[in-house]
């Protein structure tokens, strides 16, 4: 039930992230959605925005259960993505 109900929640978050990208004139692109994942192509110099997107995804004050958004990253392809837990880790992986 939660996963099915969260589909609407995810669509709202997609709209908020898209609005943020447009308002801040970012070169980063939201590529597509795969089930409960959002796939981004982060532009050079904009890695810190991954954590802004994470914050937007987790902002659910009206829910009784917290939503946790995790970041995986890769320079190659989706199958080789690795979890990152900090901006420093993300920068190191993407260097």
C-alpha atoms as a PDB file:
ATOM      1  CA  UNK A   1       0.000   0.000   0.000  1.00  0.00           C
ATOM      2  CA  UNK A   2       2.750   2.475   0.876  1.00  0.00           C
ATOM      3  CA  UNK A   3       4.681   1.907  -2.327  1.00  0.00           C
ATOM      4  CA  UNK A   4       1.549   2.287  -4.455  1.00  0.00           C
ATOM      5  CA  UNK A   5       0.397   5.315  -2.488  1.00  0.00           C
ATOM      6  CA  UNK A   6       3.812   6.916  -2.760  1.00  0.00           C
ATOM      7  CA  UNK A   7       3.517   7.109  -6.553  1.00  0.00           C
ATOM      8  CA  UNK A   8       1.545  10.340  -6.224  1.00  0.00           C
ATOM      9  CA  UNK A   9       4.048  11.628  -3.665  1.00  0.00           C
ATOM     10  CA  UNK A  10       6.930  10.955  -6.089  1.00  0.00           C
ATOM     11  CA  UNK A  11       5.161  12.820  -8.906  1.00  0.00           C
ATOM     12  CA  UNK A  12       4.789  15.866  -6.655  1.00  0.00           C
ATOM     13  CA  UNK A  13       8.486  15.708  -5.747  1.00  0.00           C
ATOM     14  CA  UNK A  14       9.423  15.452  -9.434  1.00  0.00           C
ATOM     15  CA  UNK A  15       7.525  18.684 -10.053  1.00  0.00           C
ATOM     16  CA  UNK A  16       9.259  20.420  -7.129  1.00  0.00           C
ATOM     17  CA  UNK A  17      12.722  19.310  -8.240  1.00  0.00           C
ATOM     18  CA  UNK A  18      12.012  20.373 -11.833  1.00  0.00           C
ATOM     19  CA  UNK A  19      10.861  23.770 -10.591  1.00  0.00           C
ATOM     20  CA  UNK A  20      14.059  24.108  -8.519  1.00  0.00           C
ATOM     21  CA  UNK A  21      16.230  23.220 -11.538  1.00  0.00           C
ATOM     22  CA  UNK A  22      14.464  25.788 -13.708  1.00  0.00           C
ATOM     23  CA  UNK A  23      14.444  28.559 -11.077  1.00  0.00           C
ATOM     24  CA  UNK A  24      18.181  28.109 -10.413  1.00  0.00           C
ATOM     25  CA  UNK A  25      19.039  27.843 -14.111  1.00  0.00           C
ATOM     26  CA  UNK A  26      20.907  24.564 -13.560  1.00  0.00           C
ATOM     27  CA  UNK A  27      22.474  22.547 -16.346  1.00  0.00           C
ATOM     28  CA  UNK A  28      21.684  19.364 -14.395  1.00  0.00           C
ATOM     29  CA  UNK A  29      18.921  17.308 -15.994  1.00  0.00           C
ATOM     30  CA  UNK A  30      16.391  14.946 -14.493  1.00  0.00           C
ATOM     31  CA  UNK A  31      16.590  12.115 -17.037  1.00  0.00           C
ATOM     32  CA  UNK A  32      13.841   9.682 -16.034  1.00  0.00           C
ATOM     33  CA  UNK A  33      12.132   7.713 -13.300  1.00  0.00           C
ATOM     34  CA  UNK A  34      12.687   3.985 -12.745  1.00  0.00           C
ATOM     35  CA  UNK A  35      10.145   2.641 -10.251  1.00  0.00           C
ATOM     36  CA  UNK A  36      11.024   4.575  -7.082  1.00  0.00           C
ATOM     37  CA  UNK A  37      14.267   6.089  -8.427  1.00  0.00           C
ATOM     38  CA  UNK A  38      14.912   9.404 -10.099  1.00  0.00           C
ATOM     39  CA  UNK A  39      17.845   9.392 -12.501  1.00  0.00           C
ATOM     40  CA  UNK A  40      19.803  12.627 -12.960  1.00  0.00           C
ATOM     41  CA  UNK A  41      22.650  13.730 -15.153  1.00  0.00           C
ATOM     42  CA  UNK A  42      24.477  16.105 -12.836  1.00  0.00           C
ATOM     43  CA  UNK A  43      26.342  18.855 -14.677  1.00  0.00           C
ATOM     44  CA  UNK A  44      29.954  19.610 -13.881  1.00  0.00           C
ATOM     45  CA  UNK A  45      30.195  21.928 -10.887  1.00  0.00           C
ATOM     46  CA  UNK A  46      26.666  21.107  -9.668  1.00  0.00           C
ATOM     47  CA  UNK A  47      27.264  17.982  -7.553  1.00  0.00           C
ATOM     48  CA  UNK A  48      26.073  19.713  -4.369  1.00  0.00           C
ATOM     49  CA  UNK A  49      22.572  19.906  -5.839  1.00  0.00           C
ATOM     50  CA  UNK A  50      22.240  16.122  -5.473  1.00  0.00           C
ATOM     51  CA  UNK A  51      21.850  16.816  -1.754  1.00  0.00           C
ATOM     52  CA  UNK A  52      19.306  19.569  -2.381  1.00  0.00           C
ATOM     53  CA  UNK A  53      17.269  17.053  -4.396  1.00  0.00           C
ATOM     54  CA  UNK A  54      17.645  14.532  -1.560  1.00  0.00           C
ATOM     55  CA  UNK A  55      16.347  17.145   0.878  1.00  0.00           C
ATOM     56  CA  UNK A  56      13.361  17.916  -1.351  1.00  0.00           C
ATOM     57  CA  UNK A  57      12.563  14.195  -1.602  1.00  0.00           C
ATOM     58  CA  UNK A  58      12.742  13.720   2.176  1.00  0.00           C
ATOM     59  CA  UNK A  59      10.658  16.785   3.047  1.00  0.00           C
ATOM     60  CA  UNK A  60       7.478  15.059   4.150  1.00  0.00           C
ATOM     61  CA  UNK A  61       6.471  16.696   7.430  1.00  0.00           C
ATOM     62  CA  UNK A  62       2.859  15.595   7.025  1.00  0.00           C
ATOM     63  CA  UNK A  63       3.758  11.874   6.923  1.00  0.00           C
ATOM     64  CA  UNK A  64       3.865   9.723  10.037  1.00  0.00           C
ATOM     65  CA  UNK A  65       6.750   7.662   8.614  1.00  0.00           C
ATOM     66  CA  UNK A  66       9.895   9.417   7.380  1.00  0.00           C
ATOM     67  CA  UNK A  67      10.901   9.085   3.752  1.00  0.00           C
ATOM     68  CA  UNK A  68      14.577   8.289   3.233  1.00  0.00           C
ATOM     69  CA  UNK A  69      16.156   9.181  -0.106  1.00  0.00           C
ATOM     70  CA  UNK A  70      19.525   7.630  -0.825  1.00  0.00           C
ATOM     71  CA  UNK A  71      22.063   8.704  -3.415  1.00  0.00           C
ATOM     72  CA  UNK A  72      23.848   6.284  -5.711  1.00  0.00           C
ATOM     73  CA  UNK A  73      26.246   7.587  -8.345  1.00  0.00           C
ATOM     74  CA  UNK A  74      28.317   6.449 -11.290  1.00  0.00           C
ATOM     75  CA  UNK A  75      30.371   7.928 -14.112  1.00  0.00           C
ATOM     76  CA  UNK A  76      29.635   4.944 -16.355  1.00  0.00           C
ATOM     77  CA  UNK A  77      26.263   3.194 -16.300  1.00  0.00           C
ATOM     78  CA  UNK A  78      23.355   2.464 -13.960  1.00  0.00           C
ATOM     79  CA  UNK A  79      24.506  -1.109 -13.235  1.00  0.00           C
ATOM     80  CA  UNK A  80      27.793   0.206 -11.798  1.00  0.00           C
ATOM     81  CA  UNK A  81      26.310   2.803  -9.449  1.00  0.00           C
ATOM     82  CA  UNK A  82      27.572   2.932  -5.879  1.00  0.00           C
ATOM     83  CA  UNK A  83      25.988   4.408  -2.751  1.00  0.00           C
ATOM     84  CA  UNK A  84      27.418   7.703  -1.511  1.00  0.00           C
ATOM     85  CA  UNK A  85      26.794   9.131   1.938  1.00  0.00           C
ATOM     86  CA  UNK A  86      28.325  12.593   1.708  1.00  0.00           C
ATOM     87  CA  UNK A  87      29.156  15.314  -0.763  1.00  0.00           C
ATOM     88  CA  UNK A  88      32.839  14.509  -0.263  1.00  0.00           C
ATOM     89  CA  UNK A  89      32.240  10.851  -1.229  1.00  0.00           C
ATOM     90  CA  UNK A  90      30.258  11.964  -4.260  1.00  0.00           C
ATOM     91  CA  UNK A  91      33.006  14.346  -5.381  1.00  0.00           C
ATOM     92  CA  UNK A  92      35.625  11.615  -4.945  1.00  0.00           C
ATOM     93  CA  UNK A  93      33.602   9.080  -6.934  1.00  0.00           C
ATOM     94  CA  UNK A  94      32.930  11.524  -9.737  1.00  0.00           C
ATOM     95  CA  UNK A  95      36.515  12.850  -9.951  1.00  0.00           C
END
